[in-house]
Amino acid sequence: MRHSPVSIYFDLFRLACESSMVISLRMMTFATGGARAASEAQLMLVEKMQAASAVMVGSAFAAAGGKSAETIGRNAVAHYKRKVIANRKRLLRSR
């Protein structure tokens, strides 16, 4: 399927909006303090490291396999989008 060159920017914009909501929800959790805030901070760090390493490894293999930069970028955005949406749902449930 061929994508418009501009569509990746819309995907990035949507990811930024979702990320902003997750950041706000996490900041509210951190503001309350306590064990829940400490647990969320630790989870956040672990998730970020796992997501970054998965994208780096996936991108390296895709590049070695001859995939285009656009495909690699779209795959990275899609990976982060899934993680951000899962975090938003989890954080909203815990409110």
PDB file of N, CA and C in Angstrom:
ATOM      1  N   MET A   1       0.836  -1.184   0.000  1.00  0.00           N
ATOM      2  CA  MET A   1       0.000   0.000   0.000  1.00  0.00           C
ATOM      3  C   MET A   1       0.880   1.246   0.000  1.00  0.00           C
ATOM      4  N   ARG A   2       0.633   2.136  -0.898  1.00  0.00           N
ATOM      5  CA  ARG A   2       1.421   3.364  -1.013  1.00  0.00           C
ATOM      6  C   ARG A   2       0.780   4.455  -0.171  1.00  0.00           C
ATOM      7  N   HIS A   3       1.601   5.147   0.608  1.00  0.00           N
ATOM      8  CA  HIS A   3       1.137   6.212   1.482  1.00  0.00           C
ATOM      9  C   HIS A   3       1.538   7.567   0.922  1.00  0.00           C
ATOM     10  N   SER A   4       0.756   8.562   1.254  1.00  0.00           N
ATOM     11  CA  SER A   4       1.116   9.922   0.899  1.00  0.00           C
ATOM     12  C   SER A   4       2.350  10.314   1.711  1.00  0.00           C
ATOM     13  N   PRO A   5       3.275  11.047   1.122  1.00  0.00           N
ATOM     14  CA  PRO A   5       4.466  11.470   1.872  1.00  0.00           C
ATOM     15  C   PRO A   5       4.123  12.315   3.098  1.00  0.00           C
ATOM     16  N   VAL A   6       2.984  12.973   3.068  1.00  0.00           N
ATOM     17  CA  VAL A   6       2.596  13.844   4.178  1.00  0.00           C
ATOM     18  C   VAL A   6       1.946  13.052   5.311  1.00  0.00           C
ATOM     19  N   SER A   7       1.438  11.859   5.020  1.00  0.00           N
ATOM     20  CA  SER A   7       0.674  11.122   6.025  1.00  0.00           C
ATOM     21  C   SER A   7       1.502  10.747   7.251  1.00  0.00           C
ATOM     22  N   ILE A   8       2.808  10.548   7.091  1.00  0.00           N
ATOM     23  CA  ILE A   8       3.619  10.224   8.263  1.00  0.00           C
ATOM     24  C   ILE A   8       3.634  11.390   9.255  1.00  0.00           C
ATOM     25  N   TYR A   9       3.521  12.614   8.750  1.00  0.00           N
ATOM     26  CA  TYR A   9       3.483  13.762   9.645  1.00  0.00           C
ATOM     27  C   TYR A   9       2.192  13.778  10.451  1.00  0.00           C
ATOM     28  N   PHE A  10       1.102  13.352   9.839  1.00  0.00           N
ATOM     29  CA  PHE A  10      -0.154  13.246  10.576  1.00  0.00           C
ATOM     30  C   PHE A  10      -0.069  12.143  11.625  1.00  0.00           C
ATOM     31  N   ASP A  11       0.574  11.036  11.270  1.00  0.00           N
ATOM     32  CA  ASP A  11       0.769   9.956  12.239  1.00  0.00           C
ATOM     33  C   ASP A  11       1.608  10.436  13.420  1.00  0.00           C
ATOM     34  N   LEU A  12       2.644  11.198  13.130  1.00  0.00           N
ATOM     35  CA  LEU A  12       3.488  11.746  14.195  1.00  0.00           C
ATOM     36  C   LEU A  12       2.719  12.748  15.051  1.00  0.00           C
ATOM     37  N   PHE A  13       1.868  13.548  14.435  1.00  0.00           N
ATOM     38  CA  PHE A  13       1.057  14.515  15.183  1.00  0.00           C
ATOM     39  C   PHE A  13       0.101  13.783  16.127  1.00  0.00           C
ATOM     40  N   ARG A  14      -0.555  12.739  15.623  1.00  0.00           N
ATOM     41  CA  ARG A  14      -1.463  11.965  16.476  1.00  0.00           C
ATOM     42  C   ARG A  14      -0.699  11.312  17.621  1.00  0.00           C
ATOM     43  N   LEU A  15       0.495  10.800  17.339  1.00  0.00           N
ATOM     44  CA  LEU A  15       1.320  10.204  18.386  1.00  0.00           C
ATOM     45  C   LEU A  15       1.692  11.250  19.425  1.00  0.00           C
ATOM     46  N   ALA A  16       2.018  12.455  18.982  1.00  0.00           N
ATOM     47  CA  ALA A  16       2.361  13.531  19.921  1.00  0.00           C
ATOM     48  C   ALA A  16       1.174  13.888  20.810  1.00  0.00           C
ATOM     49  N   CYS A  17      -0.015  13.920  20.248  1.00  0.00           N
ATOM     50  CA  CYS A  17      -1.220  14.221  21.039  1.00  0.00           C
ATOM     51  C   CYS A  17      -1.476  13.136  22.070  1.00  0.00           C
ATOM     52  N   GLU A  18      -1.393  11.890  21.659  1.00  0.00           N
ATOM     53  CA  GLU A  18      -1.578  10.773  22.595  1.00  0.00           C
ATOM     54  C   GLU A  18      -0.505  10.805  23.677  1.00  0.00           C
ATOM     55  N   SER A  19       0.724  11.071  23.280  1.00  0.00           N
ATOM     56  CA  SER A  19       1.824  11.126  24.247  1.00  0.00           C
ATOM     57  C   SER A  19       1.616  12.232  25.271  1.00  0.00           C
ATOM     58  N   SER A  20       1.097  13.344  24.804  1.00  0.00           N
ATOM     59  CA  SER A  20       0.824  14.461  25.706  1.00  0.00           C
ATOM     60  C   SER A  20      -0.182  14.064  26.779  1.00  0.00           C
ATOM     61  N   MET A  21      -1.200  13.309  26.391  1.00  0.00           N
ATOM     62  CA  MET A  21      -2.187  12.854  27.365  1.00  0.00           C
ATOM     63  C   MET A  21      -1.549  11.903  28.378  1.00  0.00           C
ATOM     64  N   VAL A  22      -0.710  10.994  27.901  1.00  0.00           N
ATOM     65  CA  VAL A  22      -0.039  10.052  28.807  1.00  0.00           C
ATOM     66  C   VAL A  22       0.870  10.807  29.771  1.00  0.00           C
ATOM     67  N   ILE A  23       1.585  11.797  29.276  1.00  0.00           N
ATOM     68  CA  ILE A  23       2.456  12.599  30.141  1.00  0.00           C
ATOM     69  C   ILE A  23       1.626  13.292  31.222  1.00  0.00           C
ATOM     70  N   SER A  24       0.489  13.856  30.835  1.00  0.00           N
ATOM     71  CA  SER A  24      -0.377  14.532  31.811  1.00  0.00           C
ATOM     72  C   SER A  24      -0.882  13.562  32.868  1.00  0.00           C
ATOM     73  N   LEU A  25      -1.314  12.385  32.444  1.00  0.00           N
ATOM     74  CA  LEU A  25      -1.802  11.390  33.390  1.00  0.00           C
ATOM     75  C   LEU A  25      -0.688  10.940  34.333  1.00  0.00           C
ATOM     76  N   ARG A  26       0.496  10.772  33.794  1.00  0.00           N
ATOM     77  CA  ARG A  26       1.617  10.370  34.651  1.00  0.00           C
ATOM     78  C   ARG A  26       2.003  11.481  35.622  1.00  0.00           C
ATOM     79  N   MET A  27       1.976  12.703  35.175  1.00  0.00           N
ATOM     80  CA  MET A  27       2.309  13.818  36.071  1.00  0.00           C
ATOM     81  C   MET A  27       1.315  13.905  37.232  1.00  0.00           C
ATOM     82  N   MET A  28       0.041  13.636  36.942  1.00  0.00           N
ATOM     83  CA  MET A  28      -0.953  13.620  38.024  1.00  0.00           C
ATOM     84  C   MET A  28      -0.652  12.504  39.022  1.00  0.00           C
ATOM     85  N   THR A  29      -0.220  11.356  38.507  1.00  0.00           N
ATOM     86  CA  THR A  29       0.149  10.244  39.382  1.00  0.00           C
ATOM     87  C   THR A  29       1.367  10.606  40.214  1.00  0.00           C
ATOM     88  N   PHE A  30       2.361  11.218  39.595  1.00  0.00           N
ATOM     89  CA  PHE A  30       3.570  11.604  40.324  1.00  0.00           C
ATOM     90  C   PHE A  30       3.268  12.664  41.372  1.00  0.00           C
ATOM     91  N   ALA A  31       2.330  13.548  41.083  1.00  0.00           N
ATOM     92  CA  ALA A  31       1.996  14.626  42.018  1.00  0.00           C
ATOM     93  C   ALA A  31       1.391  14.087  43.303  1.00  0.00           C
ATOM     94  N   THR A  32       0.717  12.931  43.220  1.00  0.00           N
ATOM     95  CA  THR A  32       0.123  12.351  44.426  1.00  0.00           C
ATOM     96  C   THR A  32       1.174  11.697  45.304  1.00  0.00           C
ATOM     97  N   GLY A  33       2.298  11.328  44.719  1.00  0.00           N
ATOM     98  CA  GLY A  33       3.383  10.721  45.489  1.00  0.00           C
ATOM     99  C   GLY A  33       3.056   9.309  45.928  1.00  0.00           C
ATOM    100  N   GLY A  34       3.853   8.804  46.832  1.00  0.00           N
ATOM    101  CA  GLY A  34       3.618   7.487  47.402  1.00  0.00           C
ATOM    102  C   GLY A  34       4.133   6.340  46.556  1.00  0.00           C
ATOM    103  N   ALA A  35       3.723   5.152  46.979  1.00  0.00           N
ATOM    104  CA  ALA A  35       4.192   3.926  46.335  1.00  0.00           C
ATOM    105  C   ALA A  35       3.706   3.830  44.889  1.00  0.00           C
ATOM    106  N   ARG A  36       2.488   4.275  44.642  1.00  0.00           N
ATOM    107  CA  ARG A  36       1.954   4.209  43.273  1.00  0.00           C
ATOM    108  C   ARG A  36       2.781   5.067  42.326  1.00  0.00           C
ATOM    109  N   ALA A  37       3.176   6.247  42.764  1.00  0.00           N
ATOM    110  CA  ALA A  37       3.991   7.130  41.928  1.00  0.00           C
ATOM    111  C   ALA A  37       5.368   6.512  41.677  1.00  0.00           C
ATOM    112  N   ALA A  38       5.947   5.934  42.708  1.00  0.00           N
ATOM    113  CA  ALA A  38       7.264   5.300  42.551  1.00  0.00           C
ATOM    114  C   ALA A  38       7.177   4.115  41.594  1.00  0.00           C
ATOM    115  N   SER A  39       6.111   3.332  41.720  1.00  0.00           N
ATOM    116  CA  SER A  39       5.912   2.186  40.840  1.00  0.00           C
ATOM    117  C   SER A  39       5.731   2.642  39.387  1.00  0.00           C
ATOM    118  N   GLU A  40       4.965   3.714  39.188  1.00  0.00           N
ATOM    119  CA  GLU A  40       4.737   4.242  37.833  1.00  0.00           C
ATOM    120  C   GLU A  40       6.039   4.761  37.224  1.00  0.00           C
ATOM    121  N   ALA A  41       6.853   5.423  38.036  1.00  0.00           N
ATOM    122  CA  ALA A  41       8.134   5.941  37.540  1.00  0.00           C
ATOM    123  C   ALA A  41       9.044   4.801  37.091  1.00  0.00           C
ATOM    124  N   GLN A  42       9.088   3.746  37.889  1.00  0.00           N
ATOM    125  CA  GLN A  42       9.924   2.603  37.523  1.00  0.00           C
ATOM    126  C   GLN A  42       9.392   1.926  36.266  1.00  0.00           C
ATOM    127  N   LEU A  43       8.080   1.734  36.196  1.00  0.00           N
ATOM    128  CA  LEU A  43       7.468   1.126  35.019  1.00  0.00           C
ATOM    129  C   LEU A  43       7.740   1.960  33.773  1.00  0.00           C
ATOM    130  N   MET A  44       7.631   3.284  33.905  1.00  0.00           N
ATOM    131  CA  MET A  44       7.858   4.182  32.782  1.00  0.00           C
ATOM    132  C   MET A  44       9.287   4.013  32.236  1.00  0.00           C
ATOM    133  N   LEU A  45      10.256   3.973  33.120  1.00  0.00           N
ATOM    134  CA  LEU A  45      11.646   3.833  32.674  1.00  0.00           C
ATOM    135  C   LEU A  45      11.888   2.498  31.975  1.00  0.00           C
ATOM    136  N   VAL A  46      11.358   1.434  32.553  1.00  0.00           N
ATOM    137  CA  VAL A  46      11.527   0.109  31.949  1.00  0.00           C
ATOM    138  C   VAL A  46      10.873   0.061  30.570  1.00  0.00           C
ATOM    139  N   GLU A  47       9.637   0.586  30.481  1.00  0.00           N
ATOM    140  CA  GLU A  47       8.925   0.575  29.200  1.00  0.00           C
ATOM    141  C   GLU A  47       9.655   1.386  28.140  1.00  0.00           C
ATOM    142  N   LYS A  48      10.192   2.526  28.525  1.00  0.00           N
ATOM    143  CA  LYS A  48      10.892   3.365  27.557  1.00  0.00           C
ATOM    144  C   LYS A  48      12.143   2.665  27.026  1.00  0.00           C
ATOM    145  N   MET A  49      12.881   2.018  27.907  1.00  0.00           N
ATOM    146  CA  MET A  49      14.087   1.310  27.478  1.00  0.00           C
ATOM    147  C   MET A  49      13.732   0.137  26.562  1.00  0.00           C
ATOM    148  N   GLN A  50      12.676  -0.600  26.922  1.00  0.00           N
ATOM    149  CA  GLN A  50      12.266  -1.732  26.089  1.00  0.00           C
ATOM    150  C   GLN A  50      11.784  -1.272  24.714  1.00  0.00           C
ATOM    151  N   ALA A  51      10.971  -0.224  24.689  1.00  0.00           N
ATOM    152  CA  ALA A  51      10.443   0.268  23.412  1.00  0.00           C
ATOM    153  C   ALA A  51      11.569   0.792  22.525  1.00  0.00           C
ATOM    154  N   ALA A  52      12.480   1.555  23.110  1.00  0.00           N
ATOM    155  CA  ALA A  52      13.585   2.112  22.326  1.00  0.00           C
ATOM    156  C   ALA A  52      14.476   1.005  21.763  1.00  0.00           C
ATOM    157  N   SER A  53      14.783   0.010  22.584  1.00  0.00           N
ATOM    158  CA  SER A  53      15.650  -1.064  22.092  1.00  0.00           C
ATOM    159  C   SER A  53      14.939  -1.897  21.024  1.00  0.00           C
ATOM    160  N   ALA A  54      13.624  -2.126  21.187  1.00  0.00           N
ATOM    161  CA  ALA A  54      12.881  -2.878  20.173  1.00  0.00           C
ATOM    162  C   ALA A  54      12.866  -2.131  18.847  1.00  0.00           C
ATOM    163  N   VAL A  55      12.676  -0.824  18.897  1.00  0.00           N
ATOM    164  CA  VAL A  55      12.656  -0.029  17.663  1.00  0.00           C
ATOM    165  C   VAL A  55      14.046  -0.005  17.029  1.00  0.00           C
ATOM    166  N   MET A  56      15.073   0.148  17.840  1.00  0.00           N
ATOM    167  CA  MET A  56      16.436   0.179  17.286  1.00  0.00           C
ATOM    168  C   MET A  56      16.794  -1.138  16.608  1.00  0.00           C
ATOM    169  N   VAL A  57      16.507  -2.241  17.266  1.00  0.00           N
ATOM    170  CA  VAL A  57      16.829  -3.554  16.685  1.00  0.00           C
ATOM    171  C   VAL A  57      15.986  -3.801  15.439  1.00  0.00           C
ATOM    172  N   GLY A  58      14.693  -3.512  15.533  1.00  0.00           N
ATOM    173  CA  GLY A  58      13.820  -3.692  14.373  1.00  0.00           C
ATOM    174  C   GLY A  58      14.242  -2.843  13.195  1.00  0.00           C
ATOM    175  N   SER A  59      14.624  -1.604  13.478  1.00  0.00           N
ATOM    176  CA  SER A  59      15.064  -0.701  12.411  1.00  0.00           C
ATOM    177  C   SER A  59      16.369  -1.183  11.780  1.00  0.00           C
ATOM    178  N   ALA A  60      17.268  -1.669  12.607  1.00  0.00           N
ATOM    179  CA  ALA A  60      18.545  -2.162  12.083  1.00  0.00           C
ATOM    180  C   ALA A  60      18.334  -3.357  11.157  1.00  0.00           C
ATOM    181  N   PHE A  61      17.480  -4.291  11.588  1.00  0.00           N
ATOM    182  CA  PHE A  61      17.210  -5.457  10.740  1.00  0.00           C
ATOM    183  C   PHE A  61      16.472  -5.058   9.467  1.00  0.00           C
ATOM    184  N   ALA A  62      15.536  -4.116   9.592  1.00  0.00           N
ATOM    185  CA  ALA A  62      14.798  -3.661   8.406  1.00  0.00           C
ATOM    186  C   ALA A  62      15.739  -2.973   7.420  1.00  0.00           C
ATOM    187  N   ALA A  63      16.647  -2.153   7.928  1.00  0.00           N
ATOM    188  CA  ALA A  63      17.610  -1.471   7.064  1.00  0.00           C
ATOM    189  C   ALA A  63      18.538  -2.490   6.389  1.00  0.00           C
ATOM    190  N   ALA A  64      18.976  -3.471   7.176  1.00  0.00           N
ATOM    191  CA  ALA A  64      19.847  -4.503   6.611  1.00  0.00           C
ATOM    192  C   ALA A  64      19.100  -5.334   5.565  1.00  0.00           C
ATOM    193  N   GLY A  65      17.784  -5.432   5.727  1.00  0.00           N
ATOM    194  CA  GLY A  65      16.973  -6.183   4.771  1.00  0.00           C
ATOM    195  C   GLY A  65      16.557  -5.374   3.565  1.00  0.00           C
ATOM    196  N   GLY A  66      17.002  -4.123   3.497  1.00  0.00           N
ATOM    197  CA  GLY A  66      16.732  -3.308   2.326  1.00  0.00           C
ATOM    198  C   GLY A  66      15.429  -2.532   2.359  1.00  0.00           C
ATOM    199  N   LYS A  67      14.804  -2.430   3.519  1.00  0.00           N
ATOM    200  CA  LYS A  67      13.558  -1.657   3.623  1.00  0.00           C
ATOM    201  C   LYS A  67      13.859  -0.172   3.451  1.00  0.00           C
ATOM    202  N   SER A  68      12.869   0.559   2.969  1.00  0.00           N
ATOM    203  CA  SER A  68      13.049   1.999   2.755  1.00  0.00           C
ATOM    204  C   SER A  68      13.004   2.745   4.091  1.00  0.00           C
ATOM    205  N   ALA A  69      13.553   3.937   4.071  1.00  0.00           N
ATOM    206  CA  ALA A  69      13.536   4.775   5.274  1.00  0.00           C
ATOM    207  C   ALA A  69      12.101   5.082   5.684  1.00  0.00           C
ATOM    208  N   GLU A  70      11.218   5.266   4.716  1.00  0.00           N
ATOM    209  CA  GLU A  70       9.813   5.542   5.024  1.00  0.00           C
ATOM    210  C   GLU A  70       9.176   4.360   5.747  1.00  0.00           C
ATOM    211  N   THR A  71       9.434   3.154   5.288  1.00  0.00           N
ATOM    212  CA  THR A  71       8.883   1.961   5.927  1.00  0.00           C
ATOM    213  C   THR A  71       9.424   1.802   7.337  1.00  0.00           C
ATOM    214  N   ILE A  72      10.705   2.024   7.496  1.00  0.00           N
ATOM    215  CA  ILE A  72      11.328   1.923   8.815  1.00  0.00           C
ATOM    216  C   ILE A  72      10.716   2.956   9.760  1.00  0.00           C
ATOM    217  N   GLY A  73      10.542   4.180   9.274  1.00  0.00           N
ATOM    218  CA  GLY A  73       9.939   5.230  10.091  1.00  0.00           C
ATOM    219  C   GLY A  73       8.507   4.916  10.467  1.00  0.00           C
ATOM    220  N   ARG A  74       7.733   4.435   9.518  1.00  0.00           N
ATOM    221  CA  ARG A  74       6.329   4.079   9.797  1.00  0.00           C
ATOM    222  C   ARG A  74       6.242   2.955  10.829  1.00  0.00           C
ATOM    223  N   ASN A  75       7.135   1.980  10.708  1.00  0.00           N
ATOM    224  CA  ASN A  75       7.147   0.884  11.680  1.00  0.00           C
ATOM    225  C   ASN A  75       7.492   1.387  13.079  1.00  0.00           C
ATOM    226  N   ALA A  76       8.433   2.309  13.158  1.00  0.00           N
ATOM    227  CA  ALA A  76       8.809   2.877  14.458  1.00  0.00           C
ATOM    228  C   ALA A  76       7.641   3.650  15.070  1.00  0.00           C
ATOM    229  N   VAL A  77       6.986   4.472  14.264  1.00  0.00           N
ATOM    230  CA  VAL A  77       5.838   5.250  14.757  1.00  0.00           C
ATOM    231  C   VAL A  77       4.729   4.304  15.210  1.00  0.00           C
ATOM    232  N   ALA A  78       4.472   3.262  14.433  1.00  0.00           N
ATOM    233  CA  ALA A  78       3.419   2.302  14.787  1.00  0.00           C
ATOM    234  C   ALA A  78       3.731   1.592  16.104  1.00  0.00           C
ATOM    235  N   HIS A  79       4.996   1.246  16.303  1.00  0.00           N
ATOM    236  CA  HIS A  79       5.394   0.578  17.550  1.00  0.00           C
ATOM    237  C   HIS A  79       5.149   1.491  18.749  1.00  0.00           C
ATOM    238  N   TYR A  80       5.628   2.722  18.663  1.00  0.00           N
ATOM    239  CA  TYR A  80       5.438   3.664  19.767  1.00  0.00           C
ATOM    240  C   TYR A  80       3.961   3.976  19.979  1.00  0.00           C
ATOM    241  N   LYS A  81       3.197   4.059  18.895  1.00  0.00           N
ATOM    242  CA  LYS A  81       1.767   4.357  19.006  1.00  0.00           C
ATOM    243  C   LYS A  81       1.057   3.277  19.817  1.00  0.00           C
ATOM    244  N   ARG A  82       1.352   2.011  19.531  1.00  0.00           N
ATOM    245  CA  ARG A  82       0.734   0.916  20.288  1.00  0.00           C
ATOM    246  C   ARG A  82       1.057   1.026  21.775  1.00  0.00           C
ATOM    247  N   LYS A  83       2.298   1.337  22.089  1.00  0.00           N
ATOM    248  CA  LYS A  83       2.717   1.445  23.490  1.00  0.00           C
ATOM    249  C   LYS A  83       2.043   2.627  24.184  1.00  0.00           C
ATOM    250  N   VAL A  84       1.981   3.754  23.498  1.00  0.00           N
ATOM    251  CA  VAL A  84       1.386   4.962  24.086  1.00  0.00           C
ATOM    252  C   VAL A  84      -0.112   4.755  24.317  1.00  0.00           C
ATOM    253  N   ILE A  85      -0.800   4.167  23.365  1.00  0.00           N
ATOM    254  CA  ILE A  85      -2.237   3.925  23.530  1.00  0.00           C
ATOM    255  C   ILE A  85      -2.487   2.952  24.680  1.00  0.00           C
ATOM    256  N   ALA A  86      -1.681   1.915  24.798  1.00  0.00           N
ATOM    257  CA  ALA A  86      -1.827   0.971  25.913  1.00  0.00           C
ATOM    258  C   ALA A  86      -1.618   1.674  27.248  1.00  0.00           C
ATOM    259  N   ASN A  87      -0.631   2.556  27.310  1.00  0.00           N
ATOM    260  CA  ASN A  87      -0.391   3.306  28.554  1.00  0.00           C
ATOM    261  C   ASN A  87      -1.552   4.237  28.875  1.00  0.00           C
ATOM    262  N   ARG A  88      -2.085   4.907  27.860  1.00  0.00           N
ATOM    263  CA  ARG A  88      -3.221   5.812  28.090  1.00  0.00           C
ATOM    264  C   ARG A  88      -4.405   5.036  28.658  1.00  0.00           C
ATOM    265  N   LYS A  89      -4.718   3.896  28.068  1.00  0.00           N
ATOM    266  CA  LYS A  89      -5.836   3.085  28.550  1.00  0.00           C
ATOM    267  C   LYS A  89      -5.592   2.619  29.981  1.00  0.00           C
ATOM    268  N   ARG A  90      -4.379   2.159  30.261  1.00  0.00           N
ATOM    269  CA  ARG A  90      -4.059   1.677  31.603  1.00  0.00           C
ATOM    270  C   ARG A  90      -4.158   2.797  32.621  1.00  0.00           C
ATOM    271  N   LEU A  91      -3.615   3.950  32.297  1.00  0.00           N
ATOM    272  CA  LEU A  91      -3.626   5.072  33.234  1.00  0.00           C
ATOM    273  C   LEU A  91      -5.031   5.606  33.456  1.00  0.00           C
ATOM    274  N   LEU A  92      -5.859   5.602  32.429  1.00  0.00           N
ATOM    275  CA  LEU A  92      -7.242   6.059  32.597  1.00  0.00           C
ATOM    276  C   LEU A  92      -8.052   5.078  33.443  1.00  0.00           C
ATOM    277  N   ARG A  93      -7.779   3.779  33.300  1.00  0.00           N
ATOM    278  CA  ARG A  93      -8.476   2.767  34.117  1.00  0.00           C
ATOM    279  C   ARG A  93      -8.142   2.912  35.587  1.00  0.00           C
ATOM    280  N   SER A  94      -6.898   3.284  35.874  1.00  0.00           N
ATOM    281  CA  SER A  94      -6.450   3.356  37.271  1.00  0.00           C
ATOM    282  C   SER A  94      -6.901   4.639  37.972  1.00  0.00           C
ATOM    283  N   ARG A  95      -7.575   5.532  37.293  1.00  0.00           N
ATOM    284  CA  ARG A  95      -8.070   6.782  37.904  1.00  0.00           C
ATOM    285  C   ARG A  95      -9.277   6.521  38.716  1.00  0.00           C
TER     286      ARG A  95
END
